[in-house]
Amino acid sequence: MKEKDYRTLIIQVSEDIIDRQGIKNLTISNIVKRCKISNRNFYEHFSTKEELLSEIKKLYKLEGYEIPDEKQTILEKTEEAISLHGFNNITLESIAKAADLKRGAIYKHFADKYELLECCLEYQFNKTKQIMNLIFQANGQDPENYIRTYVENYAYFLNFTYDSSIFTESWSHMNYRPRVRELTLDLQEHFRSHIAQCLKTGMEQGIFKTDLDIEAVTDYISIMINGMAYHLSKKTMHGERISKDLVALLLETFFLVIRVREDN
């Protein structure tokens, strides 16, 4: 992993620690252990934990929208329950119990279980777009590394976070829930715009073939990463379910198609 990619990884892992274990467990030792990096790597990007927290709080703004603590707790417990039991097997009563709230507290924020799912999707997708933006900002002029970093981070996300189950639910419901479809397509378009820009940059730099069909290549990589999620249906919920070797093979196959050949 290149040095400039550590910042994105630190933020991503820190968000997951906060979401799943609470902010009291956000320690530098916990972060570096989860990231598999050294303390020096951490301090090269953040001088203190407070500086890191300040950056994370910007992401939690979600484009100016603050999530109340009670509502955030409900969303987090819902995501966890979906990952463990599936959306069809949870109830508002079970979510209220998990959040240590009365059922009426859920109705203060959500009309029904489907609106709760839609808010979970909006919450998670906004965070995902912010992470995409960080990766793009760090690698926008290095298109091959952007694609590599994004795919590697996506595999990490699928392997080690509860939140990946939310994406599966979005595919299951997008054809008959208009809001779910809107949110899912908006996230897809956000990703596709970054890929298209990176392909154009790579073509201008002479890295990628100049006759690429950008829309078709963008479809290709979209299908590739969505297929990674489908692959997980055959795997258990623990450990590294998408191996680094598999990710490397997918990437090298992809770059073989779009790179300028060295003998040209």
Foldseek 3Di string as FASTA:
>chain_A
DDLLLVLLLLLVVLVQCCLPPNNVPNDLVVSCVVSVHDSVSVCVNPVDVVRSVVVNVVLCCLVPNHDDPLLSLLLSLQLLCCLVPNLVPDALCNSCVVSVHDSVVVVVPAVGSVRSLLVSLSSVLSSVLVSLVSLCVSCVLPLLVSLLSVLVVLLVCLQDHSNLSSVVVLVVCLVPDVSSVVSVVVSLVSVLVSNLSSLVSCLVVQFWPVPDPSVVLSVVVVCVSVVSNVQCVVDDNHDRSQDPVNSVVSSVVSSVVTGDDPVD
